[in-house]
Amino acid sequence: MNIDYIGQVSVGGLIPTTVSLLAGIRPRMLGQLNGALRVGAQLAFKLPTLQARLAAVARLAARLALQPPTVKFKVGANAALIAALQAQLAALADLRLAFGSAGVDVFRFHGKASEADAIAAAIRGGLPGGRGSDVIDGFVFATRYPSTFAAMLKVFIS
């Protein structure tokens, strides 16, 4: 079995395509949040004047037996949108922090499944810079299909 040490990367370095996609989402979300905040601020500033005008129109309409105009804007819906966007931005910030976590040692192997013990032997003495007594955690992603492996290379560590 051939085992190659690729190097040490961050969590985001494992999935650079996802990091790139998420980087484009944040500016759009910030734009939506700023828009919702501006609408809420403008409504709060103009609401007393608007309410007074609508009340005057309603009184006049009642005297003339007309149907007064209505203005429908759901303040609660705007507040819910703001809260949802803020929660999504917080989750995105948590992801960005996780993507920056360093210390992922990457090995690439190729060979017969029956020779997989060589993977354990390669790290038995410890990860690069470490000792065999270190407690380590990890994942093994493996496939027997070359096209799937090519796709994995594009997604993980392109």
Protein backbone atom coordinates (compact mmCIF):
# COMPACT_ATOMS: atom_id res chain seq x y z
CA MET A 1 0.00 0.00 0.00
CA ASN A 2 1.30 3.47 -0.87
CA ILE A 3 0.79 6.08 1.83
CA ASP A 4 1.75 9.70 1.27
CA TYR A 5 1.65 12.48 3.84
CA ILE A 6 -0.06 15.44 2.13
CA GLY A 7 0.49 17.93 4.94
CA GLN A 8 -1.31 19.80 7.66
CA VAL A 9 -4.31 21.97 6.79
CA SER A 10 -7.17 23.79 8.50
CA VAL A 11 -10.68 22.38 8.53
CA GLY A 12 -11.54 24.89 5.80
CA GLY A 13 -8.53 23.65 3.84
CA LEU A 14 -10.21 20.24 3.67
CA ILE A 15 -13.27 21.69 1.95
CA PRO A 16 -12.16 24.81 0.06
CA THR A 17 -15.11 24.71 -2.35
CA THR A 18 -17.57 25.00 0.54
CA VAL A 19 -15.56 27.83 2.09
CA SER A 20 -15.69 29.71 -1.23
CA LEU A 21 -19.44 29.23 -1.57
CA LEU A 22 -20.13 30.40 1.97
CA ALA A 23 -17.94 33.47 1.51
CA GLY A 24 -20.40 34.74 -1.12
CA ILE A 25 -23.43 34.24 1.11
CA ARG A 26 -22.39 36.61 3.91
CA PRO A 27 -22.46 39.86 1.87
CA ARG A 28 -25.94 39.04 0.53
CA MET A 29 -27.22 38.28 4.02
CA LEU A 30 -25.73 41.51 5.37
CA GLY A 31 -27.43 43.42 2.55
CA GLN A 32 -30.79 41.86 3.37
CA LEU A 33 -30.33 42.58 7.07
CA ASN A 34 -29.37 46.21 6.43
CA GLY A 35 -32.40 46.64 4.15
CA ALA A 36 -34.76 45.19 6.75
CA LEU A 37 -33.24 47.38 9.47
CA ARG A 38 -33.63 50.51 7.28
CA VAL A 39 -37.28 49.69 6.55
CA GLY A 40 -37.91 49.14 10.26
CA ALA A 41 -36.19 52.42 11.18
CA GLN A 42 -38.09 54.41 8.53
CA LEU A 43 -41.38 52.88 9.59
CA ALA A 44 -40.74 53.62 13.24
CA PHE A 45 -39.87 57.23 12.39
CA LYS A 46 -42.91 57.82 10.15
CA LEU A 47 -45.44 55.63 11.96
CA PRO A 48 -46.91 58.31 14.27
CA THR A 49 -47.40 60.70 11.33
CA LEU A 50 -48.84 57.93 9.17
CA GLN A 51 -51.19 56.78 11.94
CA ALA A 52 -52.44 60.33 12.49
CA ARG A 53 -53.10 60.79 8.77
CA LEU A 54 -54.90 57.47 8.47
CA ALA A 55 -57.02 58.30 11.51
CA ALA A 56 -57.98 61.65 9.94
CA VAL A 57 -58.83 59.93 6.65
CA ALA A 58 -60.89 57.32 8.53
CA ARG A 59 -62.85 60.05 10.36
CA LEU A 60 -63.51 61.89 7.10
CA ALA A 61 -64.48 58.65 5.36
CA ALA A 62 -66.89 57.81 8.19
CA ARG A 63 -68.59 61.19 7.77
CA LEU A 64 -68.84 60.69 4.02
CA ALA A 65 -69.65 56.97 4.28
CA LEU A 66 -66.58 56.01 2.21
CA GLN A 67 -64.20 53.10 2.61
CA PRO A 68 -60.89 54.50 3.95
CA PRO A 69 -57.57 53.41 2.39
CA THR A 70 -55.55 50.88 4.32
CA VAL A 71 -51.83 50.40 4.62
CA LYS A 72 -50.64 46.91 5.36
CA PHE A 73 -47.12 46.35 6.53
CA LYS A 74 -46.42 43.63 9.02
CA VAL A 75 -43.96 45.00 11.53
CA GLY A 76 -43.79 41.57 13.15
CA ALA A 77 -42.81 39.97 9.84
CA ASN A 78 -39.97 42.46 9.41
CA ALA A 79 -38.83 41.83 12.98
CA ALA A 80 -38.93 38.07 12.35
CA LEU A 81 -36.88 38.52 9.18
CA ILE A 82 -34.29 40.56 11.09
CA ALA A 83 -34.09 37.90 13.84
CA ALA A 84 -33.74 35.08 11.29
CA LEU A 85 -30.99 36.90 9.39
CA GLN A 86 -29.12 37.65 12.61
CA ALA A 87 -29.32 33.97 13.63
CA GLN A 88 -28.08 32.85 10.21
CA LEU A 89 -25.18 35.33 10.34
CA ALA A 90 -24.24 34.04 13.81
CA ALA A 91 -24.27 30.44 12.52
CA LEU A 92 -22.15 31.51 9.55
CA ALA A 93 -19.67 33.15 11.93
CA ASP A 94 -19.46 29.89 13.91
CA LEU A 95 -18.75 28.00 10.67
CA ARG A 96 -16.05 30.49 9.68
CA LEU A 97 -14.43 30.00 13.08
CA ALA A 98 -14.57 26.21 12.69
CA PHE A 99 -13.09 26.43 9.18
CA GLY A 100 -10.09 28.26 10.60
CA SER A 101 -9.30 25.44 13.06
CA ALA A 102 -5.83 24.17 12.21
CA GLY A 103 -4.05 20.90 12.77
CA VAL A 104 -5.62 18.41 10.36
CA ASP A 105 -2.96 16.01 9.11
CA VAL A 106 -3.84 14.56 5.71
CA PHE A 107 -2.64 11.24 4.34
CA ARG A 108 -3.38 9.83 0.92
CA PHE A 109 -3.24 6.10 0.42
CA HIS A 110 -3.68 3.72 -2.47
CA GLY A 111 -3.57 -0.05 -2.43
CA LYS A 112 -5.43 -3.25 -1.73
CA ALA A 113 -7.96 -3.22 1.09
CA SER A 114 -6.23 -6.26 2.58
CA GLU A 115 -3.15 -4.05 3.11
CA ALA A 116 -5.04 -1.41 5.12
CA ASP A 117 -3.00 -2.25 8.23
CA ALA A 118 -0.32 -0.09 6.64
CA ILE A 119 -2.47 2.96 7.41
CA ALA A 120 -2.29 2.21 11.13
CA ALA A 121 1.43 1.50 10.85
CA ALA A 122 1.97 4.88 9.19
CA ILE A 123 0.57 6.75 12.19
CA ARG A 124 1.54 4.30 14.96
CA GLY A 125 4.55 6.43 15.89
CA GLY A 126 2.38 9.54 16.07
CA LEU A 127 1.34 12.23 13.65
CA PRO A 128 4.10 14.46 12.22
CA GLY A 129 5.56 16.43 15.10
CA GLY A 130 3.82 14.21 17.67
CA ARG A 131 4.43 11.02 19.63
CA GLY A 132 2.95 7.55 19.53
CA SER A 133 1.43 8.15 22.98
CA ASP A 134 -0.64 11.12 21.73
CA VAL A 135 -4.40 10.62 21.62
CA ILE A 136 -5.51 11.23 18.03
CA ASP A 137 -8.90 11.44 16.31
CA GLY A 138 -9.71 11.19 12.65
CA PHE A 139 -11.77 9.97 9.75
CA VAL A 140 -10.98 7.73 6.83
CA PHE A 141 -12.76 8.45 3.57
CA ALA A 142 -12.20 5.68 1.08
CA THR A 143 -13.63 4.60 -2.25
CA ARG A 144 -12.93 1.91 -4.80
CA TYR A 145 -14.08 4.04 -7.72
CA PRO A 146 -11.45 6.27 -9.39
CA SER A 147 -14.09 8.79 -10.52
CA THR A 148 -15.36 9.15 -6.95
CA PHE A 149 -11.80 9.65 -5.73
CA ALA A 150 -11.30 12.35 -8.37
CA ALA A 151 -14.46 14.06 -7.10
CA MET A 152 -13.24 13.75 -3.50
CA LEU A 153 -9.99 15.46 -4.51
CA LYS A 154 -11.99 18.36 -5.91
CA VAL A 155 -14.11 18.75 -2.79
CA PHE A 156 -11.51 17.86 -0.17
CA ILE A 157 -8.19 19.61 -0.62
CA SER A 158 -8.54 20.76 -4.21
